[in-house]
Structure formats: C-alpha cells, structure tokens
Amino acid sequence: MGTYEVRTGFAAMDLPAVTAWLQGTYWARRRSAETIRLSMEHSMCFGVFEAESGRQVAFARAITDGVTAYYLCDVVVDPDCRGKGVGGVLLRALVDHPTLRPLRGFLATRDAQNFYRKFGFIDGGDMLMQTPVSFD
C-alpha cells in the first residue's frame, strides 16, 4: 500500500475526478456535473490523496446538522486503486473526524455492508425511505 493523506473541504477536492467517478456509479450516473458540485459544496467532503503525487484517489461526503446525525454518501475509490486499503483510510478518517465521531451515522448501500461494518455501522433493517427524485 502506498502512502496516503486525507484532506477535507470542498476546495481540496479534485472536482473533475470526483465527478467522473460518481457519474460511473449506479447511484449517481444521472447527476449532472453541476448537481455534483453543489452537493459537494453543501457537505463535509473527505478525499484520500497519494502523498507523493498529490493525486486524489478516493472521495466521500457527509451531510450533517453537526449535532445529532450525519448521512454518509458518495463513497468512491478510483478504480485503479481499489483493493489497496484506500477505502479503509477514507472511512477511518471520516468516522473519527471530531465533528462526526459523536454523531449517529446513516448510509444506504446495496452491496458493501461488510465493508461498512468494519467501521461501526450496523444493519438498520428496511427502514430507509425516500421521495422520488429525477436528475434529468
């Protein structure tokens, strides 16, 4: 595993890279670049960067009131860096962040439950509900 550093804040993120990664996912493929940018501006952003090159290799964001809860979303790792522990570096930094650590965290995933359990997330049952949204 290479050496990585975690950076926070929208300004530190590589917007073109994050946009491309998100538009390649099943959950965000229909989001416009503008929607992705705005969602990042209004969230706590976390990125993992290669220490030597400075290239961003992972991203996640948390939506929070800063007092009771946060919603973890848009967790992505550069396809070339998957399986190298980058996701673990990202999640550890996020769940241990001083703003988020005391809060209750929520997320939705259809295929990564085992990964998130390593960071203290537990199955919440079938309680996730949503309103219909169109990004057309």
C-alpha atoms as a PDB file:
ATOM      1  CA  MET A   1       0.000   0.000   0.000  1.00  0.00           C
ATOM      2  CA  GLY A   2       1.262   3.448  -0.881  1.00  0.00           C
ATOM      3  CA  THR A   3       1.372   6.419   1.439  1.00  0.00           C
ATOM      4  CA  TYR A   4      -1.840   8.428   1.547  1.00  0.00           C
ATOM      5  CA  GLU A   5      -3.071  11.597   3.165  1.00  0.00           C
ATOM      6  CA  VAL A   6      -6.631  12.664   3.876  1.00  0.00           C
ATOM      7  CA  ARG A   7      -7.801  16.167   3.046  1.00  0.00           C
ATOM      8  CA  THR A   8     -11.116  17.719   3.912  1.00  0.00           C
ATOM      9  CA  GLY A   9     -13.226  20.519   2.488  1.00  0.00           C
ATOM     10  CA  PHE A  10     -14.672  21.160  -0.938  1.00  0.00           C
ATOM     11  CA  ALA A  11     -11.741  23.336  -2.045  1.00  0.00           C
ATOM     12  CA  ALA A  12      -9.283  20.474  -1.551  1.00  0.00           C
ATOM     13  CA  MET A  13     -11.172  18.057  -3.814  1.00  0.00           C
ATOM     14  CA  ASP A  14     -10.377  17.298  -7.466  1.00  0.00           C
ATOM     15  CA  LEU A  15     -13.830  18.144  -8.840  1.00  0.00           C
ATOM     16  CA  PRO A  16     -13.314  16.658 -12.342  1.00  0.00           C
ATOM     17  CA  ALA A  17     -12.054  13.343 -10.912  1.00  0.00           C
ATOM     18  CA  VAL A  18     -14.844  13.085  -8.328  1.00  0.00           C
ATOM     19  CA  THR A  19     -17.452  13.961 -10.965  1.00  0.00           C
ATOM     20  CA  ALA A  20     -16.172  11.242 -13.308  1.00  0.00           C
ATOM     21  CA  TRP A  21     -16.109   8.630 -10.537  1.00  0.00           C
ATOM     22  CA  LEU A  22     -19.618   9.479  -9.368  1.00  0.00           C
ATOM     23  CA  GLN A  23     -21.067   9.517 -12.872  1.00  0.00           C
ATOM     24  CA  GLY A  24     -19.653   5.996 -13.238  1.00  0.00           C
ATOM     25  CA  THR A  25     -21.663   4.643 -10.275  1.00  0.00           C
ATOM     26  CA  TYR A  26     -25.107   3.069 -10.225  1.00  0.00           C
ATOM     27  CA  TRP A  27     -26.423   5.666  -7.781  1.00  0.00           C
ATOM     28  CA  ALA A  28     -25.127   8.896  -9.336  1.00  0.00           C
ATOM     29  CA  ARG A  29     -24.788   8.157 -13.037  1.00  0.00           C
ATOM     30  CA  ARG A  30     -27.601  10.574 -13.916  1.00  0.00           C
ATOM     31  CA  ARG A  31     -26.342  13.501 -11.824  1.00  0.00           C
ATOM     32  CA  SER A  32     -25.084  16.469 -13.761  1.00  0.00           C
ATOM     33  CA  ALA A  33     -21.668  17.928 -13.036  1.00  0.00           C
ATOM     34  CA  GLU A  34     -23.424  20.982 -11.589  1.00  0.00           C
ATOM     35  CA  THR A  35     -25.510  18.852  -9.207  1.00  0.00           C
ATOM     36  CA  ILE A  36     -22.382  17.031  -8.054  1.00  0.00           C
ATOM     37  CA  ARG A  37     -20.561  20.322  -7.482  1.00  0.00           C
ATOM     38  CA  LEU A  38     -23.429  21.800  -5.481  1.00  0.00           C
ATOM     39  CA  SER A  39     -23.859  18.660  -3.395  1.00  0.00           C
ATOM     40  CA  MET A  40     -20.168  18.750  -2.538  1.00  0.00           C
ATOM     41  CA  GLU A  41     -20.248  22.457  -1.645  1.00  0.00           C
ATOM     42  CA  HIS A  42     -23.044  21.795   0.861  1.00  0.00           C
ATOM     43  CA  SER A  43     -21.432  18.753   2.508  1.00  0.00           C
ATOM     44  CA  MET A  44     -18.383  17.792   4.517  1.00  0.00           C
ATOM     45  CA  CYS A  45     -16.011  16.445   1.871  1.00  0.00           C
ATOM     46  CA  PHE A  46     -13.236  13.928   2.507  1.00  0.00           C
ATOM     47  CA  GLY A  47     -10.610  12.893  -0.009  1.00  0.00           C
ATOM     48  CA  VAL A  48      -7.691  10.491   0.015  1.00  0.00           C
ATOM     49  CA  PHE A  49      -4.647  11.649  -1.919  1.00  0.00           C
ATOM     50  CA  GLU A  50      -1.415   9.931  -2.855  1.00  0.00           C
ATOM     51  CA  ALA A  51       1.229  11.575  -0.683  1.00  0.00           C
ATOM     52  CA  GLU A  52       3.910  11.576  -3.368  1.00  0.00           C
ATOM     53  CA  SER A  53       1.917  12.710  -6.413  1.00  0.00           C
ATOM     54  CA  GLY A  54      -0.930  14.599  -4.722  1.00  0.00           C
ATOM     55  CA  ARG A  55      -3.433  12.778  -6.952  1.00  0.00           C
ATOM     56  CA  GLN A  56      -6.854  12.222  -5.414  1.00  0.00           C
ATOM     57  CA  VAL A  57      -7.756   8.533  -5.251  1.00  0.00           C
ATOM     58  CA  ALA A  58     -10.966   8.443  -3.158  1.00  0.00           C
ATOM     59  CA  PHE A  59     -13.874  10.605  -2.063  1.00  0.00           C
ATOM     60  CA  ALA A  60     -16.776  10.600   0.376  1.00  0.00           C
ATOM     61  CA  ARG A  61     -19.096  13.210   1.769  1.00  0.00           C
ATOM     62  CA  ALA A  62     -21.185  13.563   4.893  1.00  0.00           C
ATOM     63  CA  ILE A  63     -24.374  15.573   5.176  1.00  0.00           C
ATOM     64  CA  THR A  64     -24.920  16.667   8.761  1.00  0.00           C
ATOM     65  CA  ASP A  65     -26.616  19.017  11.175  1.00  0.00           C
ATOM     66  CA  GLY A  66     -23.443  18.825  13.254  1.00  0.00           C
ATOM     67  CA  VAL A  67     -25.379  17.947  16.404  1.00  0.00           C
ATOM     68  CA  THR A  68     -27.292  14.681  16.115  1.00  0.00           C
ATOM     69  CA  ALA A  69     -26.633  12.784  12.886  1.00  0.00           C
ATOM     70  CA  TYR A  70     -24.872  12.555   9.573  1.00  0.00           C
ATOM     71  CA  TYR A  71     -25.628  10.774   6.330  1.00  0.00           C
ATOM     72  CA  LEU A  72     -22.617   9.198   4.633  1.00  0.00           C
ATOM     73  CA  CYS A  73     -22.847   9.199   0.862  1.00  0.00           C
ATOM     74  CA  ASP A  74     -20.991   9.169  -2.440  1.00  0.00           C
ATOM     75  CA  VAL A  75     -18.154   6.944  -1.244  1.00  0.00           C
ATOM     76  CA  VAL A  76     -15.970   6.203  -4.271  1.00  0.00           C
ATOM     77  CA  VAL A  77     -12.447   4.953  -4.876  1.00  0.00           C
ATOM     78  CA  ASP A  78     -10.566   5.396  -8.133  1.00  0.00           C
ATOM     79  CA  PRO A  79     -10.942   2.068  -9.984  1.00  0.00           C
ATOM     80  CA  ASP A  80      -7.138   1.812 -10.305  1.00  0.00           C
ATOM     81  CA  CYS A  81      -6.752   1.982  -6.510  1.00  0.00           C
ATOM     82  CA  ARG A  82      -9.419  -0.447  -5.348  1.00  0.00           C
ATOM     83  CA  GLY A  83      -8.278  -3.316  -3.162  1.00  0.00           C
ATOM     84  CA  LYS A  84      -5.311  -1.338  -1.797  1.00  0.00           C
ATOM     85  CA  GLY A  85      -6.801  -0.176   1.516  1.00  0.00           C
ATOM     86  CA  VAL A  86      -7.706   3.289   0.271  1.00  0.00           C
ATOM     87  CA  GLY A  87     -11.379   2.919   1.219  1.00  0.00           C
ATOM     88  CA  GLY A  88     -10.369   1.996   4.749  1.00  0.00           C
ATOM     89  CA  VAL A  89      -8.174   5.090   5.052  1.00  0.00           C
ATOM     90  CA  LEU A  90     -11.102   7.213   3.857  1.00  0.00           C
ATOM     91  CA  LEU A  91     -13.715   5.702   6.173  1.00  0.00           C
ATOM     92  CA  ARG A  92     -11.467   5.733   9.241  1.00  0.00           C
ATOM     93  CA  ALA A  93     -10.773   9.450   8.742  1.00  0.00           C
ATOM     94  CA  LEU A  94     -14.453  10.202   8.264  1.00  0.00           C
ATOM     95  CA  VAL A  95     -15.875   8.271  11.229  1.00  0.00           C
ATOM     96  CA  ASP A  96     -13.066   9.559  13.500  1.00  0.00           C
ATOM     97  CA  HIS A  97     -13.476  13.211  12.465  1.00  0.00           C
ATOM     98  CA  PRO A  98     -14.146  15.330  15.581  1.00  0.00           C
ATOM     99  CA  THR A  99     -17.371  16.745  14.131  1.00  0.00           C
ATOM    100  CA  LEU A 100     -18.781  13.345  13.145  1.00  0.00           C
ATOM    101  CA  ARG A 101     -17.465  10.996  15.836  1.00  0.00           C
ATOM    102  CA  PRO A 102     -20.126  11.851  18.462  1.00  0.00           C
ATOM    103  CA  LEU A 103     -22.981  11.710  15.938  1.00  0.00           C
ATOM    104  CA  ARG A 104     -25.154   8.856  14.727  1.00  0.00           C
ATOM    105  CA  GLY A 105     -24.209   7.907  11.182  1.00  0.00           C
ATOM    106  CA  PHE A 106     -26.524   6.584   8.475  1.00  0.00           C
ATOM    107  CA  LEU A 107     -25.897   5.283   4.986  1.00  0.00           C
ATOM    108  CA  ALA A 108     -27.535   3.237   2.267  1.00  0.00           C
ATOM    109  CA  THR A 109     -25.735   0.562   0.285  1.00  0.00           C
ATOM    110  CA  ARG A 110     -26.900  -2.373  -1.742  1.00  0.00           C
ATOM    111  CA  ASP A 111     -23.610  -4.263  -1.835  1.00  0.00           C
ATOM    112  CA  ALA A 112     -20.996  -3.058   0.684  1.00  0.00           C
ATOM    113  CA  GLN A 113     -22.473  -3.914   4.092  1.00  0.00           C
ATOM    114  CA  ASN A 114     -19.455  -5.959   5.181  1.00  0.00           C
ATOM    115  CA  PHE A 115     -17.094  -3.082   4.425  1.00  0.00           C
ATOM    116  CA  TYR A 116     -19.088  -0.575   6.485  1.00  0.00           C
ATOM    117  CA  ARG A 117     -19.459  -2.960   9.445  1.00  0.00           C
ATOM    118  CA  LYS A 118     -15.681  -2.654   9.947  1.00  0.00           C
ATOM    119  CA  PHE A 119     -16.243   0.999  10.850  1.00  0.00           C
ATOM    120  CA  GLY A 120     -19.062   0.531  13.340  1.00  0.00           C
ATOM    121  CA  PHE A 121     -22.097   0.628  11.076  1.00  0.00           C
ATOM    122  CA  ILE A 122     -24.794  -1.925  11.838  1.00  0.00           C
ATOM    123  CA  ASP A 123     -27.703  -3.182   9.772  1.00  0.00           C
ATOM    124  CA  GLY A 124     -30.678  -0.894  10.245  1.00  0.00           C
ATOM    125  CA  GLY A 125     -33.317  -3.050   8.631  1.00  0.00           C
ATOM    126  CA  ASP A 126     -35.583  -1.976   5.836  1.00  0.00           C
ATOM    127  CA  MET A 127     -36.351   1.448   7.245  1.00  0.00           C
ATOM    128  CA  LEU A 128     -34.751   3.587   4.558  1.00  0.00           C
ATOM    129  CA  MET A 129     -37.372   5.594   2.724  1.00  0.00           C
ATOM    130  CA  GLN A 130     -37.035   8.227   0.049  1.00  0.00           C
ATOM    131  CA  THR A 131     -39.019  10.564  -2.139  1.00  0.00           C
ATOM    132  CA  PRO A 132     -38.783  10.169  -5.894  1.00  0.00           C
ATOM    133  CA  VAL A 133     -36.132  12.401  -7.466  1.00  0.00           C
ATOM    134  CA  SER A 134     -35.242  12.979 -11.076  1.00  0.00           C
ATOM    135  CA  PHE A 135     -31.887  14.361 -12.185  1.00  0.00           C
ATOM    136  CA  ASP A 136     -32.970  14.879 -15.775  1.00  0.00           C
END
